[in-house]
């Protein structure tokens, strides 16, 4: 029995009435919110109480996107999105909001539970915003071209200007920058950064790569750092033109 505490934010009571009891049988403690304002109130009262948030994007009173933005302003708790709209998922997974994973409606309870378990398992990679980060490679700095990564502070600069990355984006960049020129498949990136098996869903990797390029490239449509090798994967170019 895990004992992990999950905040389930879903206005459809037939869905929450199905998901909550199922997760409870799997050993999770569940708190329920049925609209965005209630979700924000519950989370703000005790941000450290929850090990995971399951968040529907289509909520009354305040949207799931707004709730996610509020959560991310104070915490990097894993957030698992429930949505039937791919466009909304893309936004939620991006840098500005930073969800960790998503499940498309309709979904199976077995799949949802597996993703909940995986998100909590890898959450040791995330730390509360504003707190110091302990790194097994304290003080080490990686430089590739104009990109500088400090592995102790999780700071990133591009051409001397600070760049704010999510924990997942930092993990991807660290993987690529640690071996410039080496090609990594999407499965390898997912296994390394998400610490989980890759299920062949390209959307998560694609969104994070696009956001990284938007932050690191002068022209994201013509990237000079993060290169795509079609049919193979991605690499970080060691020497820009």
C-alpha atoms as a PDB file:
ATOM      1  CA  UNK A   1       0.000   0.000   0.000  1.00  0.00           C
ATOM      2  CA  UNK A   2       1.556   3.301  -1.111  1.00  0.00           C
ATOM      3  CA  UNK A   3      -0.145   5.789   1.226  1.00  0.00           C
ATOM      4  CA  UNK A   4       0.576   8.581  -1.270  1.00  0.00           C
ATOM      5  CA  UNK A   5      -1.920  11.425  -1.227  1.00  0.00           C
ATOM      6  CA  UNK A   6      -3.607  12.372  -4.505  1.00  0.00           C
ATOM      7  CA  UNK A   7      -5.709  15.474  -5.165  1.00  0.00           C
ATOM      8  CA  UNK A   8      -8.310  14.468  -7.750  1.00  0.00           C
ATOM      9  CA  UNK A   9      -9.758  17.496  -9.557  1.00  0.00           C
ATOM     10  CA  UNK A  10     -12.660  16.432 -11.775  1.00  0.00           C
ATOM     11  CA  UNK A  11     -16.095  18.050 -12.072  1.00  0.00           C
ATOM     12  CA  UNK A  12     -17.707  14.956 -13.613  1.00  0.00           C
ATOM     13  CA  UNK A  13     -18.733  13.063 -10.504  1.00  0.00           C
ATOM     14  CA  UNK A  14     -19.254   9.853 -12.436  1.00  0.00           C
ATOM     15  CA  UNK A  15     -15.563   9.939 -13.400  1.00  0.00           C
ATOM     16  CA  UNK A  16     -14.286  10.989  -9.970  1.00  0.00           C
ATOM     17  CA  UNK A  17     -16.600   8.407  -8.395  1.00  0.00           C
ATOM     18  CA  UNK A  18     -14.951   5.758 -10.522  1.00  0.00           C
ATOM     19  CA  UNK A  19     -11.317   6.917 -10.331  1.00  0.00           C
ATOM     20  CA  UNK A  20     -11.166   7.804  -6.633  1.00  0.00           C
ATOM     21  CA  UNK A  21     -12.360   4.492  -5.176  1.00  0.00           C
ATOM     22  CA  UNK A  22     -10.209   2.542  -7.644  1.00  0.00           C
ATOM     23  CA  UNK A  23      -7.073   4.411  -6.564  1.00  0.00           C
ATOM     24  CA  UNK A  24      -8.049   3.997  -2.923  1.00  0.00           C
ATOM     25  CA  UNK A  25      -8.157   0.236  -3.466  1.00  0.00           C
ATOM     26  CA  UNK A  26      -4.611   0.564  -4.853  1.00  0.00           C
ATOM     27  CA  UNK A  27      -3.532   2.157  -1.582  1.00  0.00           C
ATOM     28  CA  UNK A  28      -3.713   5.869  -2.379  1.00  0.00           C
ATOM     29  CA  UNK A  29      -5.355   8.503  -0.199  1.00  0.00           C
ATOM     30  CA  UNK A  30      -7.705  10.705  -2.223  1.00  0.00           C
ATOM     31  CA  UNK A  31      -8.937  14.255  -1.739  1.00  0.00           C
ATOM     32  CA  UNK A  32     -11.618  15.510  -4.113  1.00  0.00           C
ATOM     33  CA  UNK A  33     -12.225  18.866  -5.770  1.00  0.00           C
ATOM     34  CA  UNK A  34     -15.085  19.415  -8.208  1.00  0.00           C
ATOM     35  CA  UNK A  35     -14.211  22.847  -9.609  1.00  0.00           C
ATOM     36  CA  UNK A  36     -11.136  24.991 -10.170  1.00  0.00           C
ATOM     37  CA  UNK A  37     -11.594  27.337  -7.239  1.00  0.00           C
ATOM     38  CA  UNK A  38     -12.039  24.468  -4.807  1.00  0.00           C
ATOM     39  CA  UNK A  39      -8.896  22.830  -6.195  1.00  0.00           C
ATOM     40  CA  UNK A  40      -6.857  25.996  -5.719  1.00  0.00           C
ATOM     41  CA  UNK A  41      -8.179  26.419  -2.173  1.00  0.00           C
ATOM     42  CA  UNK A  42      -7.349  22.856  -1.167  1.00  0.00           C
ATOM     43  CA  UNK A  43      -3.880  22.951  -2.669  1.00  0.00           C
ATOM     44  CA  UNK A  44      -3.011  26.396  -1.310  1.00  0.00           C
ATOM     45  CA  UNK A  45      -3.993  25.345   2.230  1.00  0.00           C
ATOM     46  CA  UNK A  46      -1.365  22.563   2.313  1.00  0.00           C
ATOM     47  CA  UNK A  47       0.817  22.383  -0.818  1.00  0.00           C
ATOM     48  CA  UNK A  48       3.149  19.791   0.686  1.00  0.00           C
ATOM     49  CA  UNK A  49       0.260  17.493   1.571  1.00  0.00           C
ATOM     50  CA  UNK A  50      -0.140  16.076  -1.927  1.00  0.00           C
ATOM     51  CA  UNK A  51       2.136  13.681  -3.793  1.00  0.00           C
ATOM     52  CA  UNK A  52       0.239  14.028  -7.082  1.00  0.00           C
ATOM     53  CA  UNK A  53      -2.543  16.084  -8.641  1.00  0.00           C
ATOM     54  CA  UNK A  54      -4.890  14.553 -11.227  1.00  0.00           C
ATOM     55  CA  UNK A  55      -6.336  17.548 -13.041  1.00  0.00           C
ATOM     56  CA  UNK A  56      -9.148  17.807 -15.568  1.00  0.00           C
ATOM     57  CA  UNK A  57      -8.683  20.803 -17.858  1.00  0.00           C
ATOM     58  CA  UNK A  58     -12.378  21.542 -18.421  1.00  0.00           C
ATOM     59  CA  UNK A  59     -13.553  22.755 -15.014  1.00  0.00           C
ATOM     60  CA  UNK A  60     -16.234  25.173 -13.791  1.00  0.00           C
ATOM     61  CA  UNK A  61     -15.423  28.421 -11.939  1.00  0.00           C
ATOM     62  CA  UNK A  62     -11.737  28.270 -12.912  1.00  0.00           C
ATOM     63  CA  UNK A  63     -10.127  26.321 -15.731  1.00  0.00           C
ATOM     64  CA  UNK A  64      -7.661  23.519 -15.234  1.00  0.00           C
ATOM     65  CA  UNK A  65      -5.041  25.624 -17.020  1.00  0.00           C
ATOM     66  CA  UNK A  66      -5.455  28.372 -14.419  1.00  0.00           C
ATOM     67  CA  UNK A  67      -5.294  25.828 -11.598  1.00  0.00           C
ATOM     68  CA  UNK A  68      -2.107  24.342 -13.044  1.00  0.00           C
ATOM     69  CA  UNK A  69      -0.550  27.793 -13.324  1.00  0.00           C
ATOM     70  CA  UNK A  70      -1.298  28.459  -9.646  1.00  0.00           C
ATOM     71  CA  UNK A  71       0.112  25.091  -8.594  1.00  0.00           C
ATOM     72  CA  UNK A  72       3.291  25.656 -10.585  1.00  0.00           C
ATOM     73  CA  UNK A  73       3.815  29.043  -8.952  1.00  0.00           C
ATOM     74  CA  UNK A  74       4.490  27.314  -5.621  1.00  0.00           C
ATOM     75  CA  UNK A  75       5.239  23.644  -6.300  1.00  0.00           C
ATOM     76  CA  UNK A  76       6.640  21.065  -8.703  1.00  0.00           C
ATOM     77  CA  UNK A  77       4.301  18.348  -7.456  1.00  0.00           C
ATOM     78  CA  UNK A  78       3.584  15.884 -10.297  1.00  0.00           C
ATOM     79  CA  UNK A  79       0.465  16.859 -12.240  1.00  0.00           C
ATOM     80  CA  UNK A  80      -1.340  14.340 -14.423  1.00  0.00           C
ATOM     81  CA  UNK A  81      -3.732  15.918 -16.911  1.00  0.00           C
ATOM     82  CA  UNK A  82      -7.073  14.452 -17.940  1.00  0.00           C
ATOM     83  CA  UNK A  83      -8.242  15.838 -21.257  1.00  0.00           C
ATOM     84  CA  UNK A  84      -9.935  15.015 -24.531  1.00  0.00           C
ATOM     85  CA  UNK A  85      -8.382  18.016 -26.304  1.00  0.00           C
ATOM     86  CA  UNK A  86      -4.875  17.549 -27.696  1.00  0.00           C
ATOM     87  CA  UNK A  87      -4.367  21.287 -28.159  1.00  0.00           C
ATOM     88  CA  UNK A  88      -5.024  21.959 -24.485  1.00  0.00           C
ATOM     89  CA  UNK A  89      -2.716  19.095 -23.528  1.00  0.00           C
ATOM     90  CA  UNK A  90       0.072  20.633 -25.602  1.00  0.00           C
ATOM     91  CA  UNK A  91      -0.253  23.904 -23.722  1.00  0.00           C
ATOM     92  CA  UNK A  92      -0.417  22.200 -20.334  1.00  0.00           C
ATOM     93  CA  UNK A  93       2.701  20.130 -21.014  1.00  0.00           C
ATOM     94  CA  UNK A  94       4.652  23.186 -22.100  1.00  0.00           C
ATOM     95  CA  UNK A  95       7.071  25.358 -20.185  1.00  0.00           C
ATOM     96  CA  UNK A  96       4.615  27.992 -19.041  1.00  0.00           C
ATOM     97  CA  UNK A  97       2.543  25.442 -17.141  1.00  0.00           C
ATOM     98  CA  UNK A  98       4.647  22.300 -16.922  1.00  0.00           C
ATOM     99  CA  UNK A  99       2.348  19.310 -16.435  1.00  0.00           C
ATOM    100  CA  UNK A 100       4.175  15.994 -16.138  1.00  0.00           C
ATOM    101  CA  UNK A 101       1.949  13.613 -18.076  1.00  0.00           C
ATOM    102  CA  UNK A 102      -1.552  13.215 -19.430  1.00  0.00           C
ATOM    103  CA  UNK A 103      -4.215  10.644 -20.068  1.00  0.00           C
ATOM    104  CA  UNK A 104      -6.713  11.165 -22.873  1.00  0.00           C
ATOM    105  CA  UNK A 105     -10.402  10.597 -22.228  1.00  0.00           C
ATOM    106  CA  UNK A 106     -11.757   7.977 -22.372  1.00  0.00           C
ATOM    107  CA  UNK A 107      -9.077   6.061 -20.446  1.00  0.00           C
ATOM    108  CA  UNK A 108      -8.693   2.758 -18.685  1.00  0.00           C
ATOM    109  CA  UNK A 109      -8.265   2.688 -14.921  1.00  0.00           C
ATOM    110  CA  UNK A 110      -5.326   0.334 -15.328  1.00  0.00           C
ATOM    111  CA  UNK A 111      -3.508   2.813 -17.576  1.00  0.00           C
ATOM    112  CA  UNK A 112      -4.344   5.734 -15.296  1.00  0.00           C
ATOM    113  CA  UNK A 113      -3.053   3.883 -12.236  1.00  0.00           C
ATOM    114  CA  UNK A 114       0.160   2.961 -14.054  1.00  0.00           C
ATOM    115  CA  UNK A 115       0.760   6.599 -14.964  1.00  0.00           C
ATOM    116  CA  UNK A 116      -0.023   7.742 -11.424  1.00  0.00           C
ATOM    117  CA  UNK A 117       2.448   5.233 -10.055  1.00  0.00           C
ATOM    118  CA  UNK A 118       5.128   6.249 -12.567  1.00  0.00           C
ATOM    119  CA  UNK A 119       4.663   9.985 -11.949  1.00  0.00           C
ATOM    120  CA  UNK A 120       5.014   9.587  -8.195  1.00  0.00           C
ATOM    121  CA  UNK A 121       8.003   7.276  -8.607  1.00  0.00           C
ATOM    122  CA  UNK A 122       9.927   9.799 -10.662  1.00  0.00           C
ATOM    123  CA  UNK A 123       8.851  12.811  -8.581  1.00  0.00           C
ATOM    124  CA  UNK A 124      12.090  12.644  -6.623  1.00  0.00           C
ATOM    125  CA  UNK A 125      13.564  14.546  -9.563  1.00  0.00           C
ATOM    126  CA  UNK A 126      11.425  17.574  -8.792  1.00  0.00           C
ATOM    127  CA  UNK A 127      12.035  20.080  -5.999  1.00  0.00           C
ATOM    128  CA  UNK A 128       9.940  22.953  -4.627  1.00  0.00           C
ATOM    129  CA  UNK A 129      10.513  26.215  -6.459  1.00  0.00           C
ATOM    130  CA  UNK A 130      12.986  28.504  -4.755  1.00  0.00           C
ATOM    131  CA  UNK A 131      14.727  25.790  -2.762  1.00  0.00           C
ATOM    132  CA  UNK A 132      18.291  24.622  -3.228  1.00  0.00           C
ATOM    133  CA  UNK A 133      18.854  21.560  -5.377  1.00  0.00           C
ATOM    134  CA  UNK A 134      21.265  18.835  -4.343  1.00  0.00           C
ATOM    135  CA  UNK A 135      23.053  17.277  -7.284  1.00  0.00           C
ATOM    136  CA  UNK A 136      25.272  14.193  -7.358  1.00  0.00           C
ATOM    137  CA  UNK A 137      27.639  16.331  -9.470  1.00  0.00           C
ATOM    138  CA  UNK A 138      27.764  19.464  -7.333  1.00  0.00           C
ATOM    139  CA  UNK A 139      29.675  22.321  -8.859  1.00  0.00           C
ATOM    140  CA  UNK A 140      29.916  20.721 -12.310  1.00  0.00           C
ATOM    141  CA  UNK A 141      29.220  22.944 -15.280  1.00  0.00           C
ATOM    142  CA  UNK A 142      28.438  21.797 -18.822  1.00  0.00           C
ATOM    143  CA  UNK A 143      29.223  24.163 -21.705  1.00  0.00           C
ATOM    144  CA  UNK A 144      28.129  23.527 -25.275  1.00  0.00           C
ATOM    145  CA  UNK A 145      28.519  26.508 -27.571  1.00  0.00           C
ATOM    146  CA  UNK A 146      26.731  29.396 -25.914  1.00  0.00           C
ATOM    147  CA  UNK A 147      24.770  27.146 -23.560  1.00  0.00           C
ATOM    148  CA  UNK A 148      26.005  26.866 -19.967  1.00  0.00           C
ATOM    149  CA  UNK A 149      24.385  24.483 -17.464  1.00  0.00           C
ATOM    150  CA  UNK A 150      25.173  24.555 -13.756  1.00  0.00           C
ATOM    151  CA  UNK A 151      24.325  21.123 -12.368  1.00  0.00           C
ATOM    152  CA  UNK A 152      24.407  22.353  -8.769  1.00  0.00           C
ATOM    153  CA  UNK A 153      22.005  25.277  -9.082  1.00  0.00           C
ATOM    154  CA  UNK A 154      20.045  23.980 -12.101  1.00  0.00           C
ATOM    155  CA  UNK A 155      20.799  27.326 -13.735  1.00  0.00           C
ATOM    156  CA  UNK A 156      20.970  27.620 -17.517  1.00  0.00           C
ATOM    157  CA  UNK A 157      22.303  30.447 -19.660  1.00  0.00           C
ATOM    158  CA  UNK A 158      22.261  30.988 -23.391  1.00  0.00           C
ATOM    159  CA  UNK A 159      24.819  33.498 -24.663  1.00  0.00           C
ATOM    160  CA  UNK A 160      25.067  34.949 -21.159  1.00  0.00           C
ATOM    161  CA  UNK A 161      21.323  35.349 -20.657  1.00  0.00           C
ATOM    162  CA  UNK A 162      19.475  33.242 -18.040  1.00  0.00           C
ATOM    163  CA  UNK A 163      16.959  30.718 -19.370  1.00  0.00           C
ATOM    164  CA  UNK A 164      14.227  29.289 -17.152  1.00  0.00           C
ATOM    165  CA  UNK A 165      13.606  25.569 -17.708  1.00  0.00           C
ATOM    166  CA  UNK A 166      11.256  23.089 -16.101  1.00  0.00           C
ATOM    167  CA  UNK A 167      12.803  20.066 -14.401  1.00  0.00           C
ATOM    168  CA  UNK A 168      11.976  17.847 -17.391  1.00  0.00           C
ATOM    169  CA  UNK A 169      13.429  20.331 -19.876  1.00  0.00           C
ATOM    170  CA  UNK A 170      16.568  20.590 -17.772  1.00  0.00           C
ATOM    171  CA  UNK A 171      16.817  16.793 -17.709  1.00  0.00           C
ATOM    172  CA  UNK A 172      16.526  16.562 -21.493  1.00  0.00           C
ATOM    173  CA  UNK A 173      19.111  19.280 -22.029  1.00  0.00           C
ATOM    174  CA  UNK A 174      21.481  17.690 -19.526  1.00  0.00           C
ATOM    175  CA  UNK A 175      21.206  14.353 -21.320  1.00  0.00           C
ATOM    176  CA  UNK A 176      21.893  15.871 -24.745  1.00  0.00           C
ATOM    177  CA  UNK A 177      24.584  18.280 -23.542  1.00  0.00           C
ATOM    178  CA  UNK A 178      26.389  15.532 -21.643  1.00  0.00           C
ATOM    179  CA  UNK A 179      27.210  13.876 -24.973  1.00  0.00           C
ATOM    180  CA  UNK A 180      27.169  16.513 -27.733  1.00  0.00           C
ATOM    181  CA  UNK A 181      26.710  15.025 -31.169  1.00  0.00           C
ATOM    182  CA  UNK A 182      25.271  11.776 -29.881  1.00  0.00           C
ATOM    183  CA  UNK A 183      21.817  10.875 -31.163  1.00  0.00           C
ATOM    184  CA  UNK A 184      19.188   9.867 -28.599  1.00  0.00           C
ATOM    185  CA  UNK A 185      15.922   8.207 -29.562  1.00  0.00           C
ATOM    186  CA  UNK A 186      12.648   9.344 -28.010  1.00  0.00           C
ATOM    187  CA  UNK A 187      12.527   6.104 -26.044  1.00  0.00           C
ATOM    188  CA  UNK A 188      16.014   6.757 -24.619  1.00  0.00           C
ATOM    189  CA  UNK A 189      15.115  10.330 -23.692  1.00  0.00           C
ATOM    190  CA  UNK A 190      11.884   9.271 -22.013  1.00  0.00           C
ATOM    191  CA  UNK A 191      13.552   6.435 -20.108  1.00  0.00           C
ATOM    192  CA  UNK A 192      16.317   8.732 -18.863  1.00  0.00           C
ATOM    193  CA  UNK A 193      14.332  11.857 -18.000  1.00  0.00           C
ATOM    194  CA  UNK A 194      10.965  10.378 -17.014  1.00  0.00           C
ATOM    195  CA  UNK A 195      12.566   7.270 -15.512  1.00  0.00           C
ATOM    196  CA  UNK A 196       9.863   5.120 -17.048  1.00  0.00           C
ATOM    197  CA  UNK A 197       9.200   2.877 -20.035  1.00  0.00           C
ATOM    198  CA  UNK A 198       8.280   4.609 -23.297  1.00  0.00           C
ATOM    199  CA  UNK A 199       4.803   3.708 -24.541  1.00  0.00           C
ATOM    200  CA  UNK A 200       5.275   5.129 -28.023  1.00  0.00           C
ATOM    201  CA  UNK A 201       3.395   8.377 -27.318  1.00  0.00           C
ATOM    202  CA  UNK A 202       5.436  11.026 -29.142  1.00  0.00           C
ATOM    203  CA  UNK A 203       3.401  13.990 -27.912  1.00  0.00           C
ATOM    204  CA  UNK A 204       5.157  14.493 -24.583  1.00  0.00           C
ATOM    205  CA  UNK A 205       8.652  14.437 -26.111  1.00  0.00           C
ATOM    206  CA  UNK A 206       7.607  16.619 -29.061  1.00  0.00           C
ATOM    207  CA  UNK A 207       6.123  19.301 -26.806  1.00  0.00           C
ATOM    208  CA  UNK A 208       9.161  19.451 -24.545  1.00  0.00           C
ATOM    209  CA  UNK A 209      11.556  19.611 -27.496  1.00  0.00           C
ATOM    210  CA  UNK A 210       9.557  22.430 -29.069  1.00  0.00           C
ATOM    211  CA  UNK A 211       9.617  24.382 -25.804  1.00  0.00           C
ATOM    212  CA  UNK A 212      13.353  23.837 -25.386  1.00  0.00           C
ATOM    213  CA  UNK A 213      13.946  25.194 -28.869  1.00  0.00           C
ATOM    214  CA  UNK A 214      11.770  28.211 -28.185  1.00  0.00           C
ATOM    215  CA  UNK A 215      14.010  29.047 -25.246  1.00  0.00           C
ATOM    216  CA  UNK A 216      17.429  28.080 -26.551  1.00  0.00           C
ATOM    217  CA  UNK A 217      17.304  28.860 -30.257  1.00  0.00           C
ATOM    218  CA  UNK A 218      17.500  32.285 -31.869  1.00  0.00           C
ATOM    219  CA  UNK A 219      15.181  30.887 -34.551  1.00  0.00           C
ATOM    220  CA  UNK A 220      13.279  27.789 -33.315  1.00  0.00           C
ATOM    221  CA  UNK A 221      12.162  27.037 -36.885  1.00  0.00           C
ATOM    222  CA  UNK A 222      15.823  26.715 -37.902  1.00  0.00           C
ATOM    223  CA  UNK A 223      17.468  25.228 -34.791  1.00  0.00           C
ATOM    224  CA  UNK A 224      21.226  25.411 -34.486  1.00  0.00           C
ATOM    225  CA  UNK A 225      21.542  23.547 -31.197  1.00  0.00           C
ATOM    226  CA  UNK A 226      18.872  20.844 -30.931  1.00  0.00           C
ATOM    227  CA  UNK A 227      18.825  18.896 -34.163  1.00  0.00           C
ATOM    228  CA  UNK A 228      16.227  16.371 -35.286  1.00  0.00           C
ATOM    229  CA  UNK A 229      17.420  13.334 -37.191  1.00  0.00           C
ATOM    230  CA  UNK A 230      14.214  12.121 -38.794  1.00  0.00           C
ATOM    231  CA  UNK A 231      13.449   8.534 -37.980  1.00  0.00           C
ATOM    232  CA  UNK A 232      16.265   8.418 -35.417  1.00  0.00           C
ATOM    233  CA  UNK A 233      15.940  11.002 -32.666  1.00  0.00           C
ATOM    234  CA  UNK A 234      17.619  14.172 -31.387  1.00  0.00           C
ATOM    235  CA  UNK A 235      21.115  15.440 -30.725  1.00  0.00           C
ATOM    236  CA  UNK A 236      22.713  18.607 -29.405  1.00  0.00           C
ATOM    237  CA  UNK A 237      25.034  20.106 -32.001  1.00  0.00           C
ATOM    238  CA  UNK A 238      28.464  20.670 -30.505  1.00  0.00           C
ATOM    239  CA  UNK A 239      29.585  23.235 -33.081  1.00  0.00           C
ATOM    240  CA  UNK A 240      27.142  25.734 -34.488  1.00  0.00           C
ATOM    241  CA  UNK A 241      27.721  27.169 -37.975  1.00  0.00           C
END
